[in-house]
Amino acid sequence: MLHLDGQDLGHGGTPVLSDVRLTVRPGERVALLGRSGSGKSTLLGALHRALGDRRVALVPQDTALVPQLSALRNVLMGRLDDHGALRNLATLIRPRRADRDAALAVLARVGLTPEADRPVEALSGGQQQRVALARAIHRGGDVILGDEPLSAVDPVQATALAAEIRAAFPTAILALHDVGLAREFATRVIGLRGGRILIDAPIAELDAATVEDLYAR
């Protein structure tokens, strides 16, 4: 169980979210909604810290990929902290057959088998986002945290990739910009506005009026 109890969250002493109180239980799929700048990234960072030493898979908004390395090698980096430096260096220079096959299997799940050996810097934004997701799936763990992990792909791909996330991780917390995708994916919605949690409810209770209030200027 993941718990925040009345915390003020921000950067460099500047508050972004105030009096944050929430509990995420195993098996929940949480969608974080809100306008740009509402604090979704800040909340994800706090939740990551609160998870401590539990195994967590991350999909940051900037993807955090190594541009010069291939898609396959970026996927392999998801498990670098499982091994020592020498094993990791060998893996990145000449991956073992079993490691390569495992990474290729994940790339297939996100539709990137043809791009496996292409450098990430040669891929489109949507393809890079899929590499970052593949790296997270390859890493595995109890929880995935994603900061707009599907924002650069088309709606059909987003639905398929959300299904892959659902299959790979028992618990998920994703900041999303697409309310329709949130309805398909999540069991619960947390909506941020004005430096606070405005909504914390089952996704079935997210009606049009509530969404309009959340995104109103």
N, C-alpha and C. Protein backbone atom coordinates (compact mmCIF):
# COMPACT_ATOMS: atom_id res chain seq x y z
N MET A 1 0.85 -1.19 0.00
CA MET A 1 0.00 0.00 0.00
C MET A 1 0.88 1.24 0.00
N LEU A 2 0.51 2.24 -0.79
CA LEU A 2 1.26 3.48 -0.94
C LEU A 2 0.44 4.60 -0.32
N HIS A 3 1.09 5.39 0.54
CA HIS A 3 0.33 6.34 1.34
C HIS A 3 1.04 7.68 1.43
N LEU A 4 0.31 8.76 1.17
CA LEU A 4 0.76 10.13 1.43
C LEU A 4 -0.25 10.76 2.38
N ASP A 5 0.24 11.37 3.44
CA ASP A 5 -0.66 11.85 4.51
C ASP A 5 -0.42 13.32 4.79
N GLY A 6 -1.14 14.17 4.07
CA GLY A 6 -1.12 15.60 4.36
C GLY A 6 0.16 16.30 3.97
N GLN A 7 0.83 15.85 2.91
CA GLN A 7 2.10 16.44 2.53
C GLN A 7 1.92 17.62 1.59
N ASP A 8 2.81 18.61 1.74
CA ASP A 8 2.93 19.69 0.76
C ASP A 8 4.07 19.33 -0.17
N LEU A 9 3.81 19.38 -1.48
CA LEU A 9 4.79 18.93 -2.46
C LEU A 9 5.17 20.08 -3.37
N GLY A 10 6.47 20.16 -3.71
CA GLY A 10 6.92 21.21 -4.60
C GLY A 10 8.37 21.03 -4.96
N HIS A 11 8.98 22.12 -5.48
CA HIS A 11 10.36 22.09 -5.92
C HIS A 11 11.09 23.31 -5.37
N GLY A 12 12.24 23.08 -4.77
CA GLY A 12 13.05 24.20 -4.29
C GLY A 12 12.34 25.09 -3.30
N GLY A 13 11.51 24.51 -2.47
CA GLY A 13 10.80 25.28 -1.47
C GLY A 13 9.53 25.93 -1.96
N THR A 14 9.25 25.83 -3.25
CA THR A 14 8.03 26.41 -3.81
C THR A 14 6.94 25.35 -3.86
N PRO A 15 5.84 25.53 -3.15
CA PRO A 15 4.78 24.51 -3.14
C PRO A 15 4.05 24.43 -4.47
N VAL A 16 3.75 23.21 -4.90
CA VAL A 16 2.96 22.98 -6.10
C VAL A 16 1.61 22.37 -5.72
N LEU A 17 1.64 21.43 -4.78
CA LEU A 17 0.44 20.78 -4.27
C LEU A 17 0.44 20.87 -2.76
N SER A 18 -0.72 21.13 -2.18
CA SER A 18 -0.83 21.31 -0.74
C SER A 18 -1.71 20.25 -0.11
N ASP A 19 -1.30 19.78 1.07
CA ASP A 19 -2.10 18.87 1.89
C ASP A 19 -2.55 17.64 1.09
N VAL A 20 -1.57 16.97 0.49
CA VAL A 20 -1.87 15.80 -0.34
C VAL A 20 -2.11 14.59 0.55
N ARG A 21 -3.31 14.05 0.46
CA ARG A 21 -3.68 12.86 1.23
C ARG A 21 -4.25 11.83 0.27
N LEU A 22 -3.55 10.73 0.12
CA LEU A 22 -4.09 9.66 -0.73
C LEU A 22 -3.41 8.35 -0.40
N THR A 23 -4.13 7.29 -0.69
CA THR A 23 -3.65 5.92 -0.51
C THR A 23 -3.91 5.17 -1.81
N VAL A 24 -2.88 4.49 -2.31
CA VAL A 24 -3.02 3.64 -3.49
C VAL A 24 -2.80 2.20 -3.05
N ARG A 25 -3.78 1.37 -3.31
CA ARG A 25 -3.71 -0.03 -2.90
C ARG A 25 -3.26 -0.92 -4.05
N PRO A 26 -2.64 -2.05 -3.73
CA PRO A 26 -2.23 -2.98 -4.79
C PRO A 26 -3.41 -3.35 -5.69
N GLY A 27 -3.16 -3.38 -6.98
CA GLY A 27 -4.19 -3.74 -7.94
C GLY A 27 -4.95 -2.57 -8.52
N GLU A 28 -4.73 -1.37 -8.00
CA GLU A 28 -5.42 -0.20 -8.56
C GLU A 28 -4.69 0.31 -9.80
N ARG A 29 -5.46 0.83 -10.73
CA ARG A 29 -4.91 1.53 -11.89
C ARG A 29 -5.42 2.96 -11.81
N VAL A 30 -4.51 3.87 -11.51
CA VAL A 30 -4.86 5.25 -11.22
C VAL A 30 -4.47 6.15 -12.39
N ALA A 31 -5.39 6.97 -12.84
CA ALA A 31 -5.12 7.98 -13.85
C ALA A 31 -5.05 9.34 -13.16
N LEU A 32 -3.94 10.05 -13.36
CA LEU A 32 -3.81 11.42 -12.87
C LEU A 32 -4.21 12.36 -13.99
N LEU A 33 -5.20 13.20 -13.75
CA LEU A 33 -5.70 14.13 -14.75
C LEU A 33 -5.56 15.55 -14.25
N GLY A 34 -5.47 16.46 -15.18
CA GLY A 34 -5.38 17.88 -14.85
C GLY A 34 -4.68 18.63 -15.95
N ARG A 35 -4.85 19.94 -15.94
CA ARG A 35 -4.20 20.78 -16.94
C ARG A 35 -2.69 20.73 -16.80
N SER A 36 -1.99 21.12 -17.85
CA SER A 36 -0.54 21.23 -17.79
C SER A 36 -0.15 22.17 -16.66
N GLY A 37 0.80 21.75 -15.83
CA GLY A 37 1.23 22.56 -14.70
C GLY A 37 0.42 22.36 -13.44
N SER A 38 -0.52 21.42 -13.46
CA SER A 38 -1.38 21.21 -12.29
C SER A 38 -0.69 20.41 -11.18
N GLY A 39 0.46 19.80 -11.49
CA GLY A 39 1.20 19.08 -10.45
C GLY A 39 1.26 17.58 -10.63
N LYS A 40 0.88 17.09 -11.80
CA LYS A 40 0.89 15.64 -12.01
C LYS A 40 2.30 15.07 -11.87
N SER A 41 3.28 15.73 -12.50
CA SER A 41 4.67 15.24 -12.41
C SER A 41 5.18 15.32 -10.97
N THR A 42 4.81 16.38 -10.28
CA THR A 42 5.22 16.53 -8.87
C THR A 42 4.66 15.41 -8.03
N LEU A 43 3.40 15.06 -8.23
CA LEU A 43 2.78 13.99 -7.47
C LEU A 43 3.42 12.65 -7.80
N LEU A 44 3.70 12.40 -9.08
CA LEU A 44 4.37 11.15 -9.45
C LEU A 44 5.74 11.04 -8.78
N GLY A 45 6.48 12.14 -8.73
CA GLY A 45 7.78 12.12 -8.06
C GLY A 45 7.67 11.78 -6.58
N ALA A 46 6.67 12.34 -5.92
CA ALA A 46 6.47 12.05 -4.49
C ALA A 46 6.08 10.59 -4.29
N LEU A 47 5.24 10.07 -5.17
CA LEU A 47 4.85 8.66 -5.06
C LEU A 47 6.05 7.74 -5.29
N HIS A 48 6.90 8.12 -6.22
CA HIS A 48 8.12 7.32 -6.46
C HIS A 48 8.99 7.28 -5.21
N ARG A 49 9.18 8.42 -4.60
CA ARG A 49 9.98 8.45 -3.36
C ARG A 49 9.33 7.62 -2.26
N ALA A 50 8.01 7.69 -2.19
CA ALA A 50 7.30 6.97 -1.13
C ALA A 50 7.39 5.45 -1.31
N LEU A 51 7.64 5.01 -2.53
CA LEU A 51 7.74 3.57 -2.78
C LEU A 51 9.04 2.98 -2.26
N GLY A 52 9.99 3.83 -1.94
CA GLY A 52 11.21 3.36 -1.29
C GLY A 52 11.98 2.37 -2.15
N ASP A 53 12.30 1.22 -1.56
CA ASP A 53 13.14 0.25 -2.26
C ASP A 53 12.34 -0.80 -3.03
N ARG A 54 11.03 -0.59 -3.16
CA ARG A 54 10.26 -1.53 -3.96
C ARG A 54 10.60 -1.38 -5.44
N ARG A 55 10.46 -2.46 -6.17
CA ARG A 55 10.80 -2.44 -7.59
C ARG A 55 9.73 -1.66 -8.36
N VAL A 56 10.17 -0.60 -9.01
CA VAL A 56 9.26 0.29 -9.72
C VAL A 56 9.76 0.47 -11.15
N ALA A 57 8.86 0.45 -12.10
CA ALA A 57 9.18 0.76 -13.49
C ALA A 57 8.72 2.18 -13.79
N LEU A 58 9.57 2.93 -14.47
CA LEU A 58 9.28 4.34 -14.73
C LEU A 58 9.22 4.61 -16.23
N VAL A 59 8.28 5.47 -16.61
CA VAL A 59 8.27 6.04 -17.96
C VAL A 59 8.21 7.56 -17.78
N PRO A 60 9.37 8.22 -17.74
CA PRO A 60 9.35 9.68 -17.54
C PRO A 60 8.86 10.40 -18.78
N GLN A 61 8.45 11.63 -18.59
CA GLN A 61 7.87 12.39 -19.70
C GLN A 61 8.90 12.63 -20.80
N ASP A 62 10.17 12.80 -20.43
CA ASP A 62 11.21 13.05 -21.43
C ASP A 62 11.83 11.76 -21.95
N THR A 63 11.29 10.62 -21.58
CA THR A 63 11.68 9.25 -21.95
C THR A 63 13.01 8.80 -21.34
N ALA A 64 13.96 9.72 -21.12
CA ALA A 64 15.26 9.38 -20.49
C ALA A 64 15.97 8.25 -21.23
N LEU A 65 15.89 8.26 -22.55
CA LEU A 65 16.60 7.28 -23.37
C LEU A 65 18.00 7.81 -23.71
N VAL A 66 18.89 6.90 -24.11
CA VAL A 66 20.22 7.28 -24.59
C VAL A 66 20.14 7.35 -26.11
N PRO A 67 20.19 8.54 -26.69
CA PRO A 67 19.88 8.71 -28.12
C PRO A 67 20.78 7.91 -29.05
N GLN A 68 22.06 7.77 -28.68
CA GLN A 68 23.00 7.12 -29.59
C GLN A 68 22.89 5.60 -29.58
N LEU A 69 22.26 5.05 -28.55
CA LEU A 69 22.13 3.60 -28.45
C LEU A 69 20.89 3.12 -29.19
N SER A 70 20.91 1.86 -29.57
CA SER A 70 19.77 1.27 -30.28
C SER A 70 18.56 1.14 -29.37
N ALA A 71 17.41 0.94 -30.00
CA ALA A 71 16.20 0.69 -29.22
C ALA A 71 16.40 -0.52 -28.32
N LEU A 72 16.99 -1.58 -28.87
CA LEU A 72 17.18 -2.80 -28.08
C LEU A 72 18.05 -2.55 -26.86
N ARG A 73 19.14 -1.82 -27.04
CA ARG A 73 20.04 -1.58 -25.90
C ARG A 73 19.39 -0.66 -24.87
N ASN A 74 18.56 0.27 -25.32
CA ASN A 74 17.82 1.08 -24.35
C ASN A 74 16.85 0.23 -23.54
N VAL A 75 16.23 -0.75 -24.17
CA VAL A 75 15.35 -1.66 -23.44
C VAL A 75 16.15 -2.46 -22.42
N LEU A 76 17.31 -2.95 -22.81
CA LEU A 76 18.15 -3.72 -21.90
C LEU A 76 18.55 -2.91 -20.66
N MET A 77 18.62 -1.60 -20.80
CA MET A 77 19.01 -0.75 -19.67
C MET A 77 17.98 -0.78 -18.55
N GLY A 78 16.80 -1.29 -18.82
CA GLY A 78 15.80 -1.40 -17.77
C GLY A 78 16.22 -2.30 -16.62
N ARG A 79 17.17 -3.20 -16.88
CA ARG A 79 17.60 -4.14 -15.83
C ARG A 79 19.05 -3.94 -15.41
N LEU A 80 19.63 -2.79 -15.70
CA LEU A 80 21.03 -2.59 -15.37
C LEU A 80 21.31 -2.69 -13.88
N ASP A 81 20.36 -2.26 -13.05
CA ASP A 81 20.64 -2.31 -11.61
C ASP A 81 20.48 -3.71 -11.03
N ASP A 82 20.17 -4.69 -11.88
CA ASP A 82 20.12 -6.08 -11.41
C ASP A 82 21.49 -6.73 -11.41
N HIS A 83 22.47 -6.10 -12.05
CA HIS A 83 23.77 -6.74 -12.24
C HIS A 83 24.89 -5.74 -11.94
N GLY A 84 26.11 -6.26 -11.90
CA GLY A 84 27.28 -5.42 -11.66
C GLY A 84 27.74 -4.71 -12.92
N ALA A 85 28.72 -3.83 -12.76
CA ALA A 85 29.18 -2.97 -13.86
C ALA A 85 29.75 -3.78 -15.02
N LEU A 86 30.54 -4.80 -14.75
CA LEU A 86 31.15 -5.58 -15.83
C LEU A 86 30.09 -6.31 -16.65
N ARG A 87 29.12 -6.92 -15.97
CA ARG A 87 28.04 -7.60 -16.70
C ARG A 87 27.25 -6.61 -17.54
N ASN A 88 27.00 -5.44 -16.99
CA ASN A 88 26.23 -4.44 -17.72
C ASN A 88 26.99 -3.94 -18.95
N LEU A 89 28.28 -3.73 -18.80
CA LEU A 89 29.09 -3.27 -19.93
C LEU A 89 29.07 -4.31 -21.04
N ALA A 90 29.23 -5.57 -20.66
CA ALA A 90 29.20 -6.65 -21.65
C ALA A 90 27.83 -6.72 -22.32
N THR A 91 26.77 -6.51 -21.55
CA THR A 91 25.42 -6.57 -22.11
C THR A 91 25.21 -5.48 -23.15
N LEU A 92 25.72 -4.28 -22.89
CA LEU A 92 25.52 -3.18 -23.82
C LEU A 92 26.40 -3.29 -25.05
N ILE A 93 27.59 -3.91 -24.90
CA ILE A 93 28.48 -4.08 -26.05
C ILE A 93 28.03 -5.25 -26.92
N ARG A 94 27.82 -6.38 -26.29
CA ARG A 94 27.41 -7.59 -27.03
C ARG A 94 26.43 -8.37 -26.16
N PRO A 95 25.15 -8.08 -26.29
CA PRO A 95 24.16 -8.74 -25.42
C PRO A 95 24.19 -10.26 -25.58
N ARG A 96 24.00 -10.95 -24.46
CA ARG A 96 23.83 -12.40 -24.52
C ARG A 96 22.57 -12.72 -25.31
N ARG A 97 22.57 -13.91 -25.90
CA ARG A 97 21.43 -14.30 -26.73
C ARG A 97 20.13 -14.25 -25.93
N ALA A 98 20.16 -14.75 -24.70
CA ALA A 98 18.93 -14.76 -23.90
C ALA A 98 18.45 -13.35 -23.59
N ASP A 99 19.40 -12.44 -23.30
CA ASP A 99 19.03 -11.05 -23.01
C ASP A 99 18.46 -10.38 -24.26
N ARG A 100 19.11 -10.61 -25.40
CA ARG A 100 18.63 -10.01 -26.64
C ARG A 100 17.23 -10.53 -26.98
N ASP A 101 17.04 -11.83 -26.83
CA ASP A 101 15.72 -12.40 -27.15
C ASP A 101 14.64 -11.82 -26.24
N ALA A 102 14.97 -11.63 -24.95
CA ALA A 102 13.98 -11.07 -24.02
C ALA A 102 13.62 -9.64 -24.40
N ALA A 103 14.64 -8.85 -24.78
CA ALA A 103 14.37 -7.46 -25.18
C ALA A 103 13.58 -7.41 -26.48
N LEU A 104 13.91 -8.29 -27.41
CA LEU A 104 13.18 -8.34 -28.67
C LEU A 104 11.71 -8.71 -28.46
N ALA A 105 11.47 -9.61 -27.52
CA ALA A 105 10.09 -10.01 -27.23
C ALA A 105 9.28 -8.82 -26.72
N VAL A 106 9.90 -7.98 -25.91
CA VAL A 106 9.19 -6.81 -25.40
C VAL A 106 8.98 -5.78 -26.51
N LEU A 107 10.00 -5.58 -27.34
CA LEU A 107 9.84 -4.65 -28.46
C LEU A 107 8.72 -5.11 -29.40
N ALA A 108 8.57 -6.41 -29.54
CA ALA A 108 7.47 -6.92 -30.36
C ALA A 108 6.13 -6.54 -29.76
N ARG A 109 6.04 -6.53 -28.45
CA ARG A 109 4.77 -6.20 -27.79
C ARG A 109 4.36 -4.76 -28.04
N VAL A 110 5.35 -3.89 -28.27
CA VAL A 110 5.01 -2.48 -28.53
C VAL A 110 5.14 -2.13 -30.01
N GLY A 111 5.29 -3.16 -30.85
CA GLY A 111 5.29 -2.95 -32.30
C GLY A 111 6.55 -2.35 -32.87
N LEU A 112 7.71 -2.64 -32.26
CA LEU A 112 8.96 -2.02 -32.71
C LEU A 112 10.03 -3.02 -33.13
N THR A 113 9.67 -4.22 -33.48
CA THR A 113 10.67 -5.21 -33.89
C THR A 113 11.55 -4.70 -35.04
N PRO A 114 11.00 -4.06 -36.08
CA PRO A 114 11.86 -3.61 -37.18
C PRO A 114 12.87 -2.54 -36.78
N GLU A 115 12.58 -1.82 -35.69
CA GLU A 115 13.46 -0.73 -35.25
C GLU A 115 14.44 -1.16 -34.15
N ALA A 116 14.51 -2.43 -33.84
CA ALA A 116 15.29 -2.89 -32.68
C ALA A 116 16.73 -2.41 -32.70
N ASP A 117 17.38 -2.43 -33.85
CA ASP A 117 18.80 -2.09 -33.93
C ASP A 117 19.06 -0.68 -34.44
N ARG A 118 18.01 0.12 -34.57
CA ARG A 118 18.18 1.52 -34.97
C ARG A 118 18.47 2.38 -33.75
N PRO A 119 19.35 3.38 -33.89
CA PRO A 119 19.58 4.29 -32.76
C PRO A 119 18.31 5.06 -32.43
N VAL A 120 18.09 5.30 -31.19
CA VAL A 120 16.88 5.98 -30.74
C VAL A 120 16.75 7.36 -31.37
N GLU A 121 17.88 8.04 -31.59
CA GLU A 121 17.81 9.38 -32.15
C GLU A 121 17.26 9.40 -33.57
N ALA A 122 17.21 8.24 -34.22
CA ALA A 122 16.66 8.15 -35.58
C ALA A 122 15.17 7.82 -35.59
N LEU A 123 14.58 7.63 -34.42
CA LEU A 123 13.18 7.24 -34.31
C LEU A 123 12.29 8.47 -34.11
N SER A 124 11.02 8.32 -34.45
CA SER A 124 10.05 9.39 -34.22
C SER A 124 9.75 9.51 -32.72
N GLY A 125 9.07 10.60 -32.37
CA GLY A 125 8.72 10.80 -30.97
C GLY A 125 7.85 9.68 -30.43
N GLY A 126 6.89 9.24 -31.22
CA GLY A 126 6.03 8.15 -30.79
C GLY A 126 6.79 6.85 -30.62
N GLN A 127 7.72 6.58 -31.52
CA GLN A 127 8.54 5.37 -31.41
C GLN A 127 9.43 5.44 -30.17
N GLN A 128 9.99 6.59 -29.91
CA GLN A 128 10.82 6.74 -28.71
C GLN A 128 9.99 6.49 -27.45
N GLN A 129 8.78 6.97 -27.45
CA GLN A 129 7.91 6.75 -26.30
C GLN A 129 7.63 5.26 -26.11
N ARG A 130 7.47 4.55 -27.21
CA ARG A 130 7.25 3.10 -27.13
C ARG A 130 8.50 2.38 -26.64
N VAL A 131 9.68 2.86 -27.02
CA VAL A 131 10.93 2.27 -26.49
C VAL A 131 10.99 2.45 -24.97
N ALA A 132 10.63 3.64 -24.50
CA ALA A 132 10.65 3.89 -23.06
C ALA A 132 9.67 2.98 -22.33
N LEU A 133 8.52 2.74 -22.94
CA LEU A 133 7.56 1.82 -22.34
C LEU A 133 8.08 0.39 -22.36
N ALA A 134 8.72 0.00 -23.47
CA ALA A 134 9.30 -1.33 -23.55
C ALA A 134 10.37 -1.52 -22.48
N ARG A 135 11.18 -0.50 -22.25
CA ARG A 135 12.20 -0.58 -21.19
C ARG A 135 11.55 -0.82 -19.84
N ALA A 136 10.44 -0.13 -19.57
CA ALA A 136 9.74 -0.30 -18.30
C ALA A 136 9.16 -1.71 -18.18
N ILE A 137 8.58 -2.22 -19.25
CA ILE A 137 8.02 -3.58 -19.22
C ILE A 137 9.13 -4.60 -19.02
N HIS A 138 10.27 -4.40 -19.69
CA HIS A 138 11.40 -5.31 -19.53
C HIS A 138 11.90 -5.30 -18.09
N ARG A 139 11.91 -4.13 -17.49
CA ARG A 139 12.32 -4.04 -16.09
C ARG A 139 11.35 -4.81 -15.19
N GLY A 140 10.06 -4.60 -15.40
CA GLY A 140 9.06 -5.24 -14.57
C GLY A 140 9.00 -4.62 -13.18
N GLY A 141 8.17 -5.18 -12.34
CA GLY A 141 8.03 -4.67 -10.98
C GLY A 141 6.59 -4.74 -10.51
N ASP A 142 6.40 -4.31 -9.29
CA ASP A 142 5.06 -4.31 -8.71
C ASP A 142 4.22 -3.14 -9.20
N VAL A 143 4.91 -2.03 -9.56
CA VAL A 143 4.21 -0.79 -9.88
C VAL A 143 4.88 -0.14 -11.10
N ILE A 144 4.09 0.44 -11.97
CA ILE A 144 4.62 1.31 -13.01
C ILE A 144 4.12 2.72 -12.76
N LEU A 145 5.02 3.69 -12.88
CA LEU A 145 4.68 5.11 -12.81
C LEU A 145 4.99 5.70 -14.18
N GLY A 146 4.02 6.33 -14.80
CA GLY A 146 4.22 6.90 -16.12
C GLY A 146 3.74 8.33 -16.20
N ASP A 147 4.60 9.20 -16.75
CA ASP A 147 4.27 10.62 -16.89
C ASP A 147 3.95 10.89 -18.35
N GLU A 148 2.69 10.90 -18.70
CA GLU A 148 2.21 11.03 -20.08
C GLU A 148 2.90 10.01 -20.98
N PRO A 149 2.85 8.72 -20.63
CA PRO A 149 3.61 7.71 -21.37
C PRO A 149 3.06 7.37 -22.74
N LEU A 150 1.85 7.86 -23.06
CA LEU A 150 1.21 7.51 -24.33
C LEU A 150 0.81 8.75 -25.13
N SER A 151 1.38 9.89 -24.79
CA SER A 151 0.93 11.15 -25.38
C SER A 151 1.34 11.32 -26.83
N ALA A 152 2.38 10.62 -27.29
CA ALA A 152 2.90 10.83 -28.64
C ALA A 152 2.47 9.76 -29.63
N VAL A 153 1.58 8.87 -29.22
CA VAL A 153 1.12 7.82 -30.12
C VAL A 153 -0.35 8.07 -30.47
N ASP A 154 -0.80 7.45 -31.58
CA ASP A 154 -2.18 7.68 -32.00
C ASP A 154 -3.15 6.91 -31.10
N PRO A 155 -4.43 7.24 -31.14
CA PRO A 155 -5.39 6.63 -30.22
C PRO A 155 -5.45 5.11 -30.28
N VAL A 156 -5.34 4.53 -31.47
CA VAL A 156 -5.38 3.07 -31.57
C VAL A 156 -4.17 2.45 -30.88
N GLN A 157 -2.99 3.00 -31.14
CA GLN A 157 -1.79 2.52 -30.47
C GLN A 157 -1.90 2.72 -28.97
N ALA A 158 -2.40 3.86 -28.54
CA ALA A 158 -2.51 4.15 -27.12
C ALA A 158 -3.36 3.11 -26.41
N THR A 159 -4.47 2.73 -27.02
CA THR A 159 -5.34 1.71 -26.42
C THR A 159 -4.61 0.37 -26.31
N ALA A 160 -3.89 0.00 -27.38
CA ALA A 160 -3.16 -1.27 -27.37
C ALA A 160 -2.03 -1.25 -26.34
N LEU A 161 -1.32 -0.14 -26.24
CA LEU A 161 -0.21 -0.04 -25.29
C LEU A 161 -0.72 0.00 -23.85
N ALA A 162 -1.86 0.65 -23.63
CA ALA A 162 -2.46 0.64 -22.30
C ALA A 162 -2.80 -0.77 -21.87
N ALA A 163 -3.25 -1.59 -22.82
CA ALA A 163 -3.54 -3.00 -22.52
C ALA A 163 -2.27 -3.74 -22.14
N GLU A 164 -1.15 -3.42 -22.80
CA GLU A 164 0.13 -4.04 -22.44
C GLU A 164 0.56 -3.64 -21.03
N ILE A 165 0.35 -2.38 -20.68
CA ILE A 165 0.67 -1.93 -19.32
C ILE A 165 -0.18 -2.68 -18.31
N ARG A 166 -1.45 -2.80 -18.60
CA ARG A 166 -2.38 -3.50 -17.70
C ARG A 166 -1.96 -4.95 -17.51
N ALA A 167 -1.49 -5.59 -18.58
CA ALA A 167 -1.09 -6.99 -18.49
C ALA A 167 0.23 -7.17 -17.76
N ALA A 168 1.11 -6.16 -17.82
CA ALA A 168 2.46 -6.31 -17.29
C ALA A 168 2.59 -5.93 -15.82
N PHE A 169 1.71 -5.06 -15.33
CA PHE A 169 1.89 -4.53 -13.97
C PHE A 169 0.59 -4.64 -13.17
N PRO A 170 0.68 -5.18 -11.96
CA PRO A 170 -0.52 -5.29 -11.13
C PRO A 170 -1.07 -3.93 -10.69
N THR A 171 -0.16 -2.97 -10.52
CA THR A 171 -0.57 -1.63 -10.07
C THR A 171 0.05 -0.60 -11.00
N ALA A 172 -0.72 0.41 -11.37
CA ALA A 172 -0.23 1.42 -12.30
C ALA A 172 -0.74 2.79 -11.89
N ILE A 173 0.14 3.79 -12.01
CA ILE A 173 -0.23 5.18 -11.77
C ILE A 173 0.30 5.97 -12.95
N LEU A 174 -0.60 6.48 -13.78
CA LEU A 174 -0.21 7.16 -15.02
C LEU A 174 -0.83 8.55 -15.07
N ALA A 175 0.01 9.54 -15.36
CA ALA A 175 -0.51 10.86 -15.72
C ALA A 175 -0.92 10.80 -17.19
N LEU A 176 -2.16 11.14 -17.47
CA LEU A 176 -2.69 11.04 -18.83
C LEU A 176 -3.31 12.37 -19.24
N HIS A 177 -3.25 12.65 -20.55
CA HIS A 177 -3.90 13.86 -21.07
C HIS A 177 -5.21 13.53 -21.76
N ASP A 178 -5.44 12.25 -22.05
CA ASP A 178 -6.61 11.81 -22.80
C ASP A 178 -7.63 11.22 -21.83
N VAL A 179 -8.71 11.95 -21.62
CA VAL A 179 -9.73 11.49 -20.67
C VAL A 179 -10.37 10.19 -21.14
N GLY A 180 -10.58 10.04 -22.45
CA GLY A 180 -11.16 8.81 -22.97
C GLY A 180 -10.28 7.61 -22.68
N LEU A 181 -8.98 7.77 -22.85
CA LEU A 181 -8.05 6.68 -22.54
C LEU A 181 -8.06 6.37 -21.05
N ALA A 182 -8.15 7.41 -20.23
CA ALA A 182 -8.23 7.20 -18.78
C ALA A 182 -9.45 6.36 -18.42
N ARG A 183 -10.57 6.64 -19.08
CA ARG A 183 -11.79 5.87 -18.80
C ARG A 183 -11.59 4.40 -19.17
N GLU A 184 -10.88 4.13 -20.27
CA GLU A 184 -10.65 2.76 -20.70
C GLU A 184 -9.69 2.02 -19.76
N PHE A 185 -8.68 2.73 -19.28
CA PHE A 185 -7.57 2.09 -18.58
C PHE A 185 -7.75 2.01 -17.07
N ALA A 186 -8.20 3.10 -16.46
CA ALA A 186 -8.08 3.25 -15.02
C ALA A 186 -9.26 2.65 -14.26
N THR A 187 -9.00 2.32 -13.01
CA THR A 187 -10.06 1.99 -12.07
C THR A 187 -10.40 3.19 -11.19
N ARG A 188 -9.51 4.17 -11.17
CA ARG A 188 -9.65 5.31 -10.27
C ARG A 188 -9.04 6.53 -10.92
N VAL A 189 -9.59 7.69 -10.65
CA VAL A 189 -9.07 8.93 -11.19
C VAL A 189 -8.73 9.89 -10.05
N ILE A 190 -7.59 10.53 -10.17
CA ILE A 190 -7.21 11.62 -9.27
C ILE A 190 -7.05 12.86 -10.14
N GLY A 191 -7.86 13.88 -9.88
CA GLY A 191 -7.82 15.10 -10.67
C GLY A 191 -7.21 16.24 -9.87
N LEU A 192 -6.28 16.95 -10.48
CA LEU A 192 -5.56 18.03 -9.81
C LEU A 192 -5.94 19.38 -10.41
N ARG A 193 -6.16 20.32 -9.52
CA ARG A 193 -6.48 21.69 -9.96
C ARG A 193 -6.22 22.65 -8.80
N GLY A 194 -5.62 23.78 -9.12
CA GLY A 194 -5.43 24.81 -8.12
C GLY A 194 -4.55 24.39 -6.96
N GLY A 195 -3.60 23.51 -7.21
CA GLY A 195 -2.66 23.10 -6.16
C GLY A 195 -3.21 22.07 -5.20
N ARG A 196 -4.32 21.47 -5.54
CA ARG A 196 -4.94 20.47 -4.65
C ARG A 196 -5.53 19.32 -5.45
N ILE A 197 -5.85 18.26 -4.73
CA ILE A 197 -6.60 17.16 -5.33
C ILE A 197 -8.06 17.55 -5.34
N LEU A 198 -8.59 17.76 -6.55
CA LEU A 198 -9.99 18.15 -6.69
C LEU A 198 -10.90 16.93 -6.77
N ILE A 199 -10.39 15.86 -7.39
CA ILE A 199 -11.17 14.64 -7.59
C ILE A 199 -10.35 13.45 -7.11
N ASP A 200 -10.96 12.56 -6.40
CA ASP A 200 -10.38 11.25 -6.07
C ASP A 200 -11.55 10.28 -5.97
N ALA A 201 -11.78 9.55 -7.06
CA ALA A 201 -13.01 8.76 -7.13
C ALA A 201 -12.82 7.60 -8.11
N PRO A 202 -13.68 6.61 -8.03
CA PRO A 202 -13.68 5.56 -9.05
C PRO A 202 -13.91 6.17 -10.43
N ILE A 203 -13.30 5.59 -11.44
CA ILE A 203 -13.39 6.16 -12.78
C ILE A 203 -14.84 6.21 -13.25
N ALA A 204 -15.67 5.30 -12.79
CA ALA A 204 -17.08 5.28 -13.20
C ALA A 204 -17.82 6.53 -12.76
N GLU A 205 -17.30 7.24 -11.78
CA GLU A 205 -17.96 8.44 -11.29
C GLU A 205 -17.49 9.72 -11.99
N LEU A 206 -16.60 9.57 -12.96
CA LEU A 206 -16.09 10.74 -13.68
C LEU A 206 -17.08 11.12 -14.77
N ASP A 207 -17.89 12.14 -14.50
CA ASP A 207 -18.88 12.56 -15.48
C ASP A 207 -18.40 13.80 -16.23
N ALA A 208 -19.15 14.19 -17.25
CA ALA A 208 -18.75 15.29 -18.12
C ALA A 208 -18.62 16.61 -17.36
N ALA A 209 -19.50 16.86 -16.41
CA ALA A 209 -19.45 18.11 -15.65
C ALA A 209 -18.19 18.18 -14.80
N THR A 210 -17.81 17.04 -14.22
CA THR A 210 -16.60 17.01 -13.40
C THR A 210 -15.37 17.25 -14.24
N VAL A 211 -15.31 16.65 -15.43
CA VAL A 211 -14.19 16.87 -16.32
C VAL A 211 -14.10 18.33 -16.75
N GLU A 212 -15.25 18.93 -17.07
CA GLU A 212 -15.28 20.32 -17.48
C GLU A 212 -14.77 21.23 -16.37
N ASP A 213 -15.14 20.93 -15.14
CA ASP A 213 -14.67 21.72 -14.00
C ASP A 213 -13.17 21.56 -13.82
N LEU A 214 -12.68 20.35 -14.06
CA LEU A 214 -11.25 20.08 -13.86
C LEU A 214 -10.39 20.84 -14.85
N TYR A 215 -10.87 21.00 -16.08
CA TYR A 215 -10.07 21.61 -17.14
C TYR A 215 -10.50 23.05 -17.46
N ALA A 216 -11.47 23.57 -16.74
CA ALA A 216 -11.95 24.93 -17.02
C ALA A 216 -10.84 25.94 -16.79
N ARG A 217 -10.81 26.97 -17.60
CA ARG A 217 -9.79 28.02 -17.46
C ARG A 217 -10.19 29.00 -16.35
